[in-house]
Protein backbone atom coordinates (compact mmCIF):
# COMPACT_ATOMS: atom_id res chain seq x y z
CA MET A 1 -28.19 10.87 3.25
CA THR A 2 -24.99 11.40 1.26
CA LEU A 3 -22.08 9.26 2.42
CA PRO A 4 -18.78 11.04 3.12
CA THR A 5 -16.16 10.48 0.42
CA LEU A 6 -12.49 11.19 -0.13
CA HIS A 7 -12.81 12.84 -3.55
CA GLU A 8 -11.92 16.32 -2.30
CA LEU A 9 -9.22 15.08 0.08
CA HIS A 10 -6.62 13.67 -2.32
CA ARG A 11 -3.09 14.76 -1.44
CA PRO A 12 0.40 14.67 -2.96
CA LEU A 13 2.34 11.42 -2.70
CA GLY A 14 5.58 13.08 -1.63
CA SER A 15 7.24 14.73 -4.61
CA THR A 16 6.20 12.05 -7.13
CA GLY A 17 3.63 14.30 -8.81
CA LEU A 18 0.92 11.76 -8.02
CA ASN A 19 -2.16 12.71 -6.02
CA VAL A 20 -3.64 9.92 -3.94
CA SER A 21 -6.58 9.33 -1.67
CA PRO A 22 -5.66 9.32 2.04
CA LEU A 23 -6.86 5.71 2.16
CA GLY A 24 -5.65 3.09 -0.25
CA LEU A 25 -7.23 -0.31 -0.79
CA GLY A 26 -5.00 -3.25 0.09
CA THR A 27 -5.81 -6.36 -1.93
CA VAL A 28 -4.09 -9.29 -0.22
CA LYS A 29 -7.55 -10.69 0.61
CA LEU A 30 -8.45 -10.77 -3.10
CA GLY A 31 -5.80 -13.37 -3.74
CA ARG A 32 -4.44 -15.07 -0.64
CA ASP A 33 -5.96 -16.63 2.47
CA GLN A 34 -2.93 -18.59 3.72
CA GLY A 35 -0.24 -17.29 6.05
CA VAL A 36 -2.05 -14.01 6.77
CA LYS A 37 -2.15 -12.37 10.20
CA TYR A 38 -5.78 -11.40 10.69
CA PRO A 39 -7.80 -12.14 13.84
CA ASN A 40 -10.63 -13.76 11.88
CA GLY A 41 -10.71 -16.12 8.93
CA PHE A 42 -12.19 -15.00 5.62
CA SER A 43 -13.12 -16.32 2.21
CA ILE A 44 -11.56 -14.86 -0.91
CA PRO A 45 -14.38 -13.01 -2.73
CA ASP A 46 -15.51 -14.12 -6.16
CA ASP A 47 -15.14 -11.85 -9.18
CA GLN A 48 -18.59 -10.30 -8.77
CA ALA A 49 -17.96 -9.39 -5.13
CA ALA A 50 -14.44 -8.16 -5.92
CA ALA A 51 -15.71 -5.97 -8.77
CA SER A 52 -18.41 -4.55 -6.50
CA LEU A 53 -15.83 -3.73 -3.81
CA LEU A 54 -13.57 -1.95 -6.32
CA ARG A 55 -16.53 0.00 -7.68
CA GLN A 56 -17.53 1.02 -4.16
CA ALA A 57 -13.96 2.10 -3.36
CA ARG A 58 -13.81 4.26 -6.49
CA GLU A 59 -17.21 5.82 -5.76
CA LEU A 60 -16.01 6.66 -2.24
CA GLY A 61 -13.02 8.52 -3.67
CA ILE A 62 -10.29 5.90 -3.28
CA ASN A 63 -7.85 5.97 -6.19
CA LEU A 64 -4.91 4.08 -4.67
CA ILE A 65 -4.70 0.31 -4.90
CA ASP A 66 -1.98 -1.85 -3.37
CA THR A 67 -1.07 -5.32 -4.58
CA ALA A 68 1.95 -7.63 -4.80
CA PRO A 69 3.15 -10.88 -6.36
CA ALA A 70 3.18 -12.29 -2.82
CA TYR A 71 -0.58 -11.69 -2.55
CA GLY A 72 -1.45 -14.95 -4.25
CA THR A 73 -3.65 -14.30 -7.30
CA SER A 74 -4.30 -10.61 -6.48
CA GLU A 75 -2.46 -9.15 -9.48
CA GLN A 76 -3.91 -11.67 -11.93
CA ARG A 77 -7.42 -10.85 -10.74
CA LEU A 78 -6.95 -7.09 -10.72
CA GLY A 79 -5.92 -6.98 -14.38
CA PRO A 80 -9.34 -8.00 -15.74
CA LEU A 81 -11.24 -6.37 -12.85
CA LEU A 82 -9.69 -2.96 -13.57
CA ARG A 83 -9.93 -3.24 -17.35
CA GLY A 84 -10.91 0.11 -18.85
CA GLN A 85 -10.24 1.93 -15.55
CA ARG A 86 -6.47 2.40 -15.68
CA HIS A 87 -6.72 6.21 -15.54
CA ASP A 88 -8.83 5.96 -12.37
CA TRP A 89 -6.18 4.23 -10.27
CA VAL A 90 -2.71 4.76 -8.85
CA ILE A 91 -1.36 1.20 -8.75
CA VAL A 92 1.26 0.09 -6.24
CA SER A 93 2.90 -3.32 -6.55
CA LYS A 94 6.03 -4.96 -5.13
CA VAL A 95 9.11 -6.99 -5.93
CA GLY A 96 11.28 -9.28 -3.85
CA GLU A 97 8.79 -11.67 -2.25
CA GLU A 98 7.09 -14.66 -3.82
CA PHE A 99 4.41 -16.85 -2.26
CA ASP A 100 4.17 -20.42 -3.55
CA ASN A 101 2.52 -23.50 -2.06
CA GLY A 102 1.83 -21.71 1.22
CA GLN A 103 5.42 -20.50 1.65
CA SER A 104 7.11 -17.11 1.19
CA HIS A 105 10.59 -16.76 -0.25
CA HIS A 106 12.62 -13.73 -1.28
CA ASP A 107 14.81 -12.85 -4.25
CA PHE A 108 16.35 -9.39 -4.66
CA SER A 109 18.54 -10.13 -7.68
CA ALA A 110 18.51 -7.95 -10.80
CA ALA A 111 17.15 -10.78 -12.93
CA HIS A 112 14.29 -11.56 -10.59
CA THR A 113 13.45 -7.89 -10.04
CA ARG A 114 13.10 -7.34 -13.79
CA LEU A 115 11.18 -10.59 -14.28
CA SER A 116 8.83 -9.67 -11.43
CA VAL A 117 8.02 -6.20 -12.76
CA GLU A 118 7.48 -7.42 -16.32
CA ARG A 119 5.24 -10.22 -15.03
CA SER A 120 3.25 -7.69 -12.95
CA LEU A 121 2.78 -5.50 -16.03
CA LYS A 122 1.26 -8.46 -17.89
CA ARG A 123 -0.90 -9.56 -14.97
CA LEU A 124 -2.19 -6.05 -14.32
CA GLU A 125 -2.71 -5.46 -18.07
CA THR A 126 -0.89 -2.13 -17.99
CA ASP A 127 2.09 -0.48 -19.70
CA PHE A 128 3.42 1.00 -16.47
CA ILE A 129 3.08 0.65 -12.70
CA ASP A 130 2.86 3.91 -10.76
CA LEU A 131 4.93 2.73 -7.79
CA VAL A 132 6.89 -0.45 -7.13
CA LEU A 133 8.08 -1.19 -3.60
CA VAL A 134 10.64 -3.72 -2.44
CA HIS A 135 8.99 -6.34 -0.20
CA SER A 136 11.63 -6.63 2.53
CA ASP A 137 12.34 -9.81 4.46
CA GLY A 138 13.50 -7.69 7.41
CA ASN A 139 17.16 -7.41 6.40
CA ASP A 140 16.56 -3.88 5.15
CA LEU A 141 20.12 -2.55 5.06
CA ALA A 142 21.55 -5.67 3.45
CA ILE A 143 18.89 -5.54 0.73
CA LEU A 144 19.53 -1.87 -0.01
CA ASN A 145 23.33 -1.96 0.27
CA ASP A 146 24.24 -5.39 -1.08
CA SER A 147 21.55 -6.48 -3.58
CA GLU A 148 20.76 -5.23 -7.08
CA VAL A 149 17.11 -4.52 -6.45
CA TYR A 150 17.23 -0.69 -6.10
CA PRO A 151 19.57 -0.12 -9.10
CA THR A 152 17.35 -2.41 -11.20
CA LEU A 153 14.23 -0.50 -10.19
CA ALA A 154 16.02 2.74 -11.14
CA GLU A 155 16.68 1.24 -14.60
CA LEU A 156 13.04 0.18 -14.95
CA LYS A 157 12.03 3.73 -14.01
CA ARG A 158 14.27 5.16 -16.73
CA GLU A 159 12.69 2.72 -19.19
CA GLY A 160 9.20 3.96 -18.25
CA LYS A 161 7.98 0.59 -17.01
CA ILE A 162 7.55 1.97 -13.53
CA ARG A 163 7.00 5.60 -12.57
CA HIS A 164 8.45 5.53 -9.06
CA PHE A 165 10.03 3.07 -6.65
CA GLY A 166 10.59 2.61 -2.96
CA PHE A 167 10.76 0.19 -0.07
CA SER A 168 8.35 -1.59 2.25
CA GLY A 169 10.66 -2.26 5.16
CA LYS A 170 10.74 -3.08 8.83
CA THR A 171 13.44 -0.85 10.34
CA VAL A 172 14.13 2.85 10.83
CA GLN A 173 17.56 2.58 9.22
CA GLY A 174 16.11 0.81 6.20
CA GLY A 175 13.34 3.36 5.80
CA LEU A 176 15.73 6.30 5.96
CA LEU A 177 18.12 4.79 3.41
CA ALA A 178 15.21 3.80 1.18
CA LEU A 179 13.95 7.39 1.12
CA ARG A 180 17.40 8.83 0.50
CA ASP A 181 17.78 6.85 -2.73
CA GLY A 182 14.14 6.21 -3.67
CA ASP A 183 10.75 7.90 -3.85
CA CYS A 184 8.66 6.23 -1.15
CA ALA A 185 8.75 4.18 2.03
CA MET A 186 5.94 2.01 3.30
CA VAL A 187 6.11 1.84 7.09
CA THR A 188 4.19 0.30 9.96
CA TYR A 189 2.60 2.97 12.15
CA ASN A 190 -0.30 2.40 14.51
CA PHE A 191 -1.27 2.52 18.19
CA ASN A 192 0.68 -0.64 18.92
CA GLU A 193 3.81 0.12 16.89
CA GLN A 194 5.42 3.51 16.34
CA THR A 195 9.14 2.72 16.20
CA GLU A 196 9.35 3.81 12.54
CA LYS A 197 8.14 7.36 13.28
CA PRO A 198 11.62 8.83 12.45
CA VAL A 199 11.05 7.68 8.85
CA LEU A 200 7.82 9.71 8.75
CA ASP A 201 9.66 12.70 10.20
CA TYR A 202 12.39 12.46 7.54
CA ALA A 203 9.82 12.17 4.76
CA ALA A 204 7.94 15.26 5.98
CA ALA A 205 11.19 17.25 6.07
CA HIS A 206 12.44 16.10 2.65
CA GLY A 207 9.27 15.91 0.55
CA LYS A 208 9.35 12.13 0.29
CA ALA A 209 6.36 9.81 0.09
CA ILE A 210 5.05 7.67 2.95
CA LEU A 211 2.45 4.94 2.74
CA VAL A 212 1.38 3.38 6.03
CA LYS A 213 0.81 -0.36 6.31
CA LYS A 214 -0.94 -2.08 9.22
CA ALA A 215 -2.62 1.23 10.09
CA LEU A 216 -5.26 -0.73 12.02
CA ALA A 217 -2.73 -3.35 13.23
CA SER A 218 -4.31 -5.96 10.92
CA GLY A 219 -7.55 -5.68 12.92
CA HIS A 220 -5.86 -6.14 16.30
CA ILE A 221 -6.26 -2.59 17.69
CA CYS A 222 -8.06 -2.65 21.04
CA LEU A 223 -8.75 0.56 22.96
CA GLU A 224 -10.91 1.37 25.95
CA PRO A 225 -14.67 0.78 25.67
CA GLY A 226 -16.53 3.47 23.75
CA VAL A 227 -13.53 4.50 21.64
CA ASP A 228 -13.80 3.73 17.93
CA PRO A 229 -10.43 2.12 17.11
CA VAL A 230 -10.65 3.04 13.42
CA ARG A 231 -11.28 6.73 14.03
CA ALA A 232 -8.69 6.91 16.80
CA SER A 233 -6.12 5.21 14.57
CA PHE A 234 -6.76 7.68 11.75
CA GLU A 235 -6.43 10.61 14.17
CA LEU A 236 -2.95 9.35 15.04
CA LEU A 237 -1.94 8.75 11.42
CA PHE A 238 -3.24 11.85 9.73
CA ALA A 239 -1.93 14.17 12.44
CA HIS A 240 1.55 13.41 11.05
CA PRO A 241 2.42 15.62 8.04
CA GLY A 242 4.60 12.90 6.53
CA VAL A 243 1.72 10.48 5.94
CA ALA A 244 0.31 10.56 2.41
CA SER A 245 -1.97 7.55 2.61
CA ALA A 246 -2.79 4.51 4.72
CA ILE A 247 -3.29 1.18 3.00
CA VAL A 248 -6.21 -0.68 4.55
CA GLY A 249 -7.16 -4.10 3.27
CA THR A 250 -10.80 -4.99 3.61
CA ILE A 251 -13.26 -7.05 1.61
CA ASN A 252 -16.21 -5.99 3.78
CA PRO A 253 -18.28 -3.22 2.12
CA VAL A 254 -19.56 -1.97 5.50
CA HIS A 255 -16.03 -1.73 6.89
CA LEU A 256 -14.88 0.06 3.72
CA ALA A 257 -17.62 2.68 4.02
CA HIS A 258 -16.90 3.13 7.74
CA ASN A 259 -13.15 3.50 7.09
CA VAL A 260 -13.76 6.18 4.47
CA ALA A 261 -16.27 8.08 6.61
CA SER A 262 -13.90 7.98 9.59
CA ALA A 263 -10.89 9.12 7.57
CA ALA A 264 -12.85 11.92 5.90
CA ALA A 265 -14.17 13.19 9.24
CA VAL A 266 -10.74 13.11 10.87
CA ILE A 267 -8.95 14.88 8.01
CA ARG A 268 -11.59 17.58 7.70
CA ARG A 269 -11.44 18.24 11.42
CA GLN A 270 -7.63 18.38 11.46
CA ARG A 271 -7.48 20.91 8.63
């Protein structure tokens, strides 16, 4: 039996010119197991298991990969793991948040933004990053209005070090401002949390890109008995025309295959 894949279901990422799979692979679990909000504990996979997971994702039609400096050793590991595959992947990384010794801290200065991107380029072993998002600490409007992070990302885009930039925020106002001046917003949207829906609506109306985080509420979605929470979550997400892709972080090959099959079935039925 042939497994469903996402190869024929890639869609535009807003007006960036990039085409992405409707599911992206989140990689926090490749590099960090402290301070994460999952219902069950997990072990960070070794290189062999990580390489197998990435190969499986690619074979299932996933071409979008999401990482960040705050994801522990995720970027450092992805560089060697993706060696020779750069043309196969749309890579998303972040700036603004660091994770050291079990603690997060934020820095949105011009100097740190530039340092962070140039460090990510080295770690990921690439000349450019397709999309860099600001990792908000929740003070979305202050970051966008009062810090140097967005102007610095615009400079890095002009220099060709990044192709596009945007914002991974926590508020409607932040998401709307981020889309006005940038290319993409990453928003939380799931059965438990839909307050950022106006950002999706704006993106759909203005040709901007939306990536959804916590699409499965970090594994906390609970619905009535007999309802598949993954499929139901994807039905909610992909019914919205503003959603380009949902980032789902898993290191379980069975879950990955189920996620892809569910997303493919939902999108084909909604067409």
